[in-house]
Amino acid sequence: MAALAWLLIPLVAGIVAGLWGSWANRTRKIRGDGPELDGYARFREAMEKSHSRT
C-alpha cells in the first residue's frame, strides 16, 4: 500500500502541472510582430543617421 502512495504522488503532481499549464496559457494573448518590427525599424533609422554624420 505504501508503494501505491509513492506512485500516486508523481501522478497527482503531473495532473496539477498540466492543469496549471493550461490555466497559465489561457491568458496569453496572441500578438503579432508589428510592435517589434516597428522598434527595429526605428533603431535602424537611428543607426543610419549616426553613421551618415561621420
PDB file of N, CA and C in Angstrom:
ATOM      1  N   MET A   1       0.828  -1.196   0.000  1.00  0.00           N
ATOM      2  CA  MET A   1       0.000   0.000   0.000  1.00  0.00           C
ATOM      3  C   MET A   1       0.870   1.256   0.000  1.00  0.00           C
ATOM      4  N   ALA A   2       2.002   1.202   0.707  1.00  0.00           N
ATOM      5  CA  ALA A   2       2.881   2.363   0.747  1.00  0.00           C
ATOM      6  C   ALA A   2       3.485   2.627  -0.633  1.00  0.00           C
ATOM      7  N   ALA A   3       3.773   1.571  -1.395  1.00  0.00           N
ATOM      8  CA  ALA A   3       4.318   1.750  -2.745  1.00  0.00           C
ATOM      9  C   ALA A   3       3.294   2.444  -3.644  1.00  0.00           C
ATOM     10  N   LEU A   4       2.034   2.120  -3.460  1.00  0.00           N
ATOM     11  CA  LEU A   4       0.985   2.759  -4.251  1.00  0.00           C
ATOM     12  C   LEU A   4       0.905   4.249  -3.931  1.00  0.00           C
ATOM     13  N   ALA A   5       1.070   4.592  -2.684  1.00  0.00           N
ATOM     14  CA  ALA A   5       1.053   6.004  -2.301  1.00  0.00           C
ATOM     15  C   ALA A   5       2.218   6.755  -2.946  1.00  0.00           C
ATOM     16  N   TRP A   6       3.400   6.132  -3.010  1.00  0.00           N
ATOM     17  CA  TRP A   6       4.558   6.778  -3.634  1.00  0.00           C
ATOM     18  C   TRP A   6       4.375   6.912  -5.136  1.00  0.00           C
ATOM     19  N   LEU A   7       3.618   6.044  -5.760  1.00  0.00           N
ATOM     20  CA  LEU A   7       3.343   6.160  -7.182  1.00  0.00           C
ATOM     21  C   LEU A   7       2.273   7.211  -7.468  1.00  0.00           C
ATOM     22  N   LEU A   8       1.399   7.429  -6.514  1.00  0.00           N
ATOM     23  CA  LEU A   8       0.341   8.429  -6.719  1.00  0.00           C
ATOM     24  C   LEU A   8       0.871   9.857  -6.627  1.00  0.00           C
ATOM     25  N   ILE A   9       1.942  10.067  -5.884  1.00  0.00           N
ATOM     26  CA  ILE A   9       2.493  11.422  -5.730  1.00  0.00           C
ATOM     27  C   ILE A   9       2.924  11.998  -7.086  1.00  0.00           C
ATOM     28  N   PRO A  10       3.721  11.309  -7.901  1.00  0.00           N
ATOM     29  CA  PRO A  10       4.077  11.874  -9.211  1.00  0.00           C
ATOM     30  C   PRO A  10       2.879  12.003 -10.151  1.00  0.00           C
ATOM     31  N   LEU A  11       1.941  11.084 -10.039  1.00  0.00           N
ATOM     32  CA  LEU A  11       0.740  11.160 -10.868  1.00  0.00           C
ATOM     33  C   LEU A  11      -0.060  12.410 -10.549  1.00  0.00           C
ATOM     34  N   VAL A  12      -0.286  12.670  -9.287  1.00  0.00           N
ATOM     35  CA  VAL A  12      -1.017  13.870  -8.883  1.00  0.00           C
ATOM     36  C   VAL A  12      -0.233  15.118  -9.254  1.00  0.00           C
ATOM     37  N   ALA A  13       1.082  15.091  -9.088  1.00  0.00           N
ATOM     38  CA  ALA A  13       1.913  16.237  -9.454  1.00  0.00           C
ATOM     39  C   ALA A  13       1.824  16.503 -10.955  1.00  0.00           C
ATOM     40  N   GLY A  14       1.801  15.482 -11.766  1.00  0.00           N
ATOM     41  CA  GLY A  14       1.673  15.645 -13.207  1.00  0.00           C
ATOM     42  C   GLY A  14       0.333  16.229 -13.603  1.00  0.00           C
ATOM     43  N   ILE A  15      -0.716  15.779 -12.947  1.00  0.00           N
ATOM     44  CA  ILE A  15      -2.050  16.313 -13.230  1.00  0.00           C
ATOM     45  C   ILE A  15      -2.126  17.784 -12.840  1.00  0.00           C
ATOM     46  N   VAL A  16      -1.588  18.110 -11.670  1.00  0.00           N
ATOM     47  CA  VAL A  16      -1.588  19.504 -11.213  1.00  0.00           C
ATOM     48  C   VAL A  16      -0.761  20.373 -12.155  1.00  0.00           C
ATOM     49  N   ALA A  17       0.387  19.874 -12.607  1.00  0.00           N
ATOM     50  CA  ALA A  17       1.228  20.635 -13.532  1.00  0.00           C
ATOM     51  C   ALA A  17       0.512  20.852 -14.866  1.00  0.00           C
ATOM     52  N   GLY A  18      -0.198  19.863 -15.345  1.00  0.00           N
ATOM     53  CA  GLY A  18      -0.961  20.004 -16.579  1.00  0.00           C
ATOM     54  C   GLY A  18      -2.080  21.025 -16.446  1.00  0.00           C
ATOM     55  N   LEU A  19      -2.767  20.992 -15.326  1.00  0.00           N
ATOM     56  CA  LEU A  19      -3.834  21.975 -15.094  1.00  0.00           C
ATOM     57  C   LEU A  19      -3.271  23.378 -14.978  1.00  0.00           C
ATOM     58  N   TRP A  20      -2.164  23.521 -14.278  1.00  0.00           N
ATOM     59  CA  TRP A  20      -1.547  24.840 -14.140  1.00  0.00           C
ATOM     60  C   TRP A  20      -1.064  25.352 -15.502  1.00  0.00           C
ATOM     61  N   GLY A  21      -0.474  24.481 -16.298  1.00  0.00           N
ATOM     62  CA  GLY A  21      -0.002  24.886 -17.620  1.00  0.00           C
ATOM     63  C   GLY A  21      -1.132  25.351 -18.515  1.00  0.00           C
ATOM     64  N   SER A  22      -2.233  24.647 -18.497  1.00  0.00           N
ATOM     65  CA  SER A  22      -3.364  25.070 -19.324  1.00  0.00           C
ATOM     66  C   SER A  22      -3.964  26.371 -18.801  1.00  0.00           C
ATOM     67  N   TRP A  23      -3.986  26.560 -17.493  1.00  0.00           N
ATOM     68  CA  TRP A  23      -4.502  27.811 -16.929  1.00  0.00           C
ATOM     69  C   TRP A  23      -3.563  28.974 -17.244  1.00  0.00           C
ATOM     70  N   ALA A  24      -2.269  28.761 -17.144  1.00  0.00           N
ATOM     71  CA  ALA A  24      -1.312  29.832 -17.408  1.00  0.00           C
ATOM     72  C   ALA A  24      -1.331  30.223 -18.882  1.00  0.00           C
ATOM     73  N   ASN A  25      -1.596  29.290 -19.759  1.00  0.00           N
ATOM     74  CA  ASN A  25      -1.590  29.571 -21.190  1.00  0.00           C
ATOM     75  C   ASN A  25      -2.891  30.218 -21.651  1.00  0.00           C
ATOM     76  N   ARG A  26      -3.942  30.133 -20.899  1.00  0.00           N
ATOM     77  CA  ARG A  26      -5.221  30.666 -21.351  1.00  0.00           C
ATOM     78  C   ARG A  26      -5.239  32.187 -21.378  1.00  0.00           C
ATOM     79  N   THR A  27      -4.436  32.836 -20.557  1.00  0.00           N
ATOM     80  CA  THR A  27      -4.449  34.289 -20.504  1.00  0.00           C
ATOM     81  C   THR A  27      -3.474  34.907 -21.494  1.00  0.00           C
ATOM     82  N   ARG A  28      -2.698  34.093 -22.188  1.00  0.00           N
ATOM     83  CA  ARG A  28      -1.722  34.609 -23.145  1.00  0.00           C
ATOM     84  C   ARG A  28      -2.446  35.056 -24.400  1.00  0.00           C
ATOM     85  N   LYS A  29      -2.240  36.303 -24.783  1.00  0.00           N
ATOM     86  CA  LYS A  29      -2.863  36.824 -25.984  1.00  0.00           C
ATOM     87  C   LYS A  29      -1.878  36.701 -27.141  1.00  0.00           C
ATOM     88  N   ILE A  30      -2.406  36.364 -28.290  1.00  0.00           N
ATOM     89  CA  ILE A  30      -1.572  36.253 -29.477  1.00  0.00           C
ATOM     90  C   ILE A  30      -1.312  37.665 -29.985  1.00  0.00           C
ATOM     91  N   ARG A  31      -0.039  37.965 -30.121  1.00  0.00           N
ATOM     92  CA  ARG A  31       0.343  39.295 -30.562  1.00  0.00           C
ATOM     93  C   ARG A  31       1.245  39.156 -31.771  1.00  0.00           C
ATOM     94  N   GLY A  32       1.041  39.999 -32.736  1.00  0.00           N
ATOM     95  CA  GLY A  32       1.844  39.946 -33.947  1.00  0.00           C
ATOM     96  C   GLY A  32       3.230  40.541 -33.728  1.00  0.00           C
ATOM     97  N   ASP A  33       4.002  40.549 -34.768  1.00  0.00           N
ATOM     98  CA  ASP A  33       5.353  41.080 -34.700  1.00  0.00           C
ATOM     99  C   ASP A  33       5.404  42.569 -35.000  1.00  0.00           C
ATOM    100  N   GLY A  34       4.268  43.201 -35.163  1.00  0.00           N
ATOM    101  CA  GLY A  34       4.225  44.605 -35.547  1.00  0.00           C
ATOM    102  C   GLY A  34       5.013  45.535 -34.641  1.00  0.00           C
ATOM    103  N   PRO A  35       4.758  45.564 -33.341  1.00  0.00           N
ATOM    104  CA  PRO A  35       5.499  46.484 -32.471  1.00  0.00           C
ATOM    105  C   PRO A  35       7.004  46.223 -32.455  1.00  0.00           C
ATOM    106  N   GLU A  36       7.397  44.962 -32.508  1.00  0.00           N
ATOM    107  CA  GLU A  36       8.823  44.653 -32.500  1.00  0.00           C
ATOM    108  C   GLU A  36       9.487  45.103 -33.789  1.00  0.00           C
ATOM    109  N   LEU A  37       8.802  44.896 -34.909  1.00  0.00           N
ATOM    110  CA  LEU A  37       9.370  45.310 -36.191  1.00  0.00           C
ATOM    111  C   LEU A  37       9.427  46.826 -36.307  1.00  0.00           C
ATOM    112  N   ASP A  38       8.434  47.515 -35.751  1.00  0.00           N
ATOM    113  CA  ASP A  38       8.466  48.980 -35.749  1.00  0.00           C
ATOM    114  C   ASP A  38       9.647  49.490 -34.939  1.00  0.00           C
ATOM    115  N   GLY A  39       9.890  48.885 -33.796  1.00  0.00           N
ATOM    116  CA  GLY A  39      11.024  49.278 -32.968  1.00  0.00           C
ATOM    117  C   GLY A  39      12.344  49.023 -33.663  1.00  0.00           C
ATOM    118  N   TYR A  40      12.436  47.917 -34.386  1.00  0.00           N
ATOM    119  CA  TYR A  40      13.659  47.601 -35.104  1.00  0.00           C
ATOM    120  C   TYR A  40      13.885  48.593 -36.244  1.00  0.00           C
ATOM    121  N   ALA A  41      12.806  48.978 -36.911  1.00  0.00           N
ATOM    122  CA  ALA A  41      12.933  49.952 -37.994  1.00  0.00           C
ATOM    123  C   ALA A  41      13.416  51.294 -37.441  1.00  0.00           C
ATOM    124  N   ARG A  42      12.890  51.712 -36.293  1.00  0.00           N
ATOM    125  CA  ARG A  42      13.356  52.963 -35.679  1.00  0.00           C
ATOM    126  C   ARG A  42      14.821  52.856 -35.281  1.00  0.00           C
ATOM    127  N   PHE A  43      15.229  51.716 -34.775  1.00  0.00           N
ATOM    128  CA  PHE A  43      16.628  51.505 -34.404  1.00  0.00           C
ATOM    129  C   PHE A  43      17.529  51.600 -35.633  1.00  0.00           C
ATOM    130  N   ARG A  44      17.126  50.952 -36.725  1.00  0.00           N
ATOM    131  CA  ARG A  44      17.934  51.008 -37.946  1.00  0.00           C
ATOM    132  C   ARG A  44      18.045  52.430 -38.467  1.00  0.00           C
ATOM    133  N   GLU A  45      16.938  53.185 -38.451  1.00  0.00           N
ATOM    134  CA  GLU A  45      16.981  54.575 -38.909  1.00  0.00           C
ATOM    135  C   GLU A  45      17.921  55.408 -38.048  1.00  0.00           C
ATOM    136  N   ALA A  46      17.880  55.187 -36.742  1.00  0.00           N
ATOM    137  CA  ALA A  46      18.761  55.939 -35.849  1.00  0.00           C
ATOM    138  C   ALA A  46      20.223  55.593 -36.102  1.00  0.00           C
ATOM    139  N   MET A  47      20.518  54.333 -36.370  1.00  0.00           N
ATOM    140  CA  MET A  47      21.896  53.938 -36.636  1.00  0.00           C
ATOM    141  C   MET A  47      22.381  54.498 -37.964  1.00  0.00           C
ATOM    142  N   GLU A  48      21.500  54.542 -38.956  1.00  0.00           N
ATOM    143  CA  GLU A  48      21.880  55.097 -40.257  1.00  0.00           C
ATOM    144  C   GLU A  48      22.157  56.597 -40.135  1.00  0.00           C
ATOM    145  N   LYS A  49      21.366  57.285 -39.335  1.00  0.00           N
ATOM    146  CA  LYS A  49      21.584  58.724 -39.138  1.00  0.00           C
ATOM    147  C   LYS A  49      22.922  58.979 -38.439  1.00  0.00           C
ATOM    148  N   SER A  50      23.253  58.163 -37.458  1.00  0.00           N
ATOM    149  CA  SER A  50      24.505  58.386 -36.729  1.00  0.00           C
ATOM    150  C   SER A  50      25.711  58.076 -37.610  1.00  0.00           C
ATOM    151  N   HIS A  51      25.610  57.132 -38.542  1.00  0.00           N
ATOM    152  CA  HIS A  51      26.716  56.806 -39.440  1.00  0.00           C
ATOM    153  C   HIS A  51      26.844  57.826 -40.553  1.00  0.00           C
ATOM    154  N   SER A  52      25.767  58.450 -40.964  1.00  0.00           N
ATOM    155  CA  SER A  52      25.842  59.412 -42.068  1.00  0.00           C
ATOM    156  C   SER A  52      26.473  60.733 -41.614  1.00  0.00           C
ATOM    157  N   ARG A  53      26.474  61.036 -40.322  1.00  0.00           N
ATOM    158  CA  ARG A  53      27.052  62.271 -39.825  1.00  0.00           C
ATOM    159  C   ARG A  53      28.569  62.219 -39.773  1.00  0.00           C
ATOM    160  N   THR A  54      29.157  61.054 -39.676  1.00  0.00           N
ATOM    161  CA  THR A  54      30.624  60.964 -39.532  1.00  0.00           C
ATOM    162  C   THR A  54      31.311  60.854 -40.860  1.00  0.00           C
TER     163      THR A  54
END
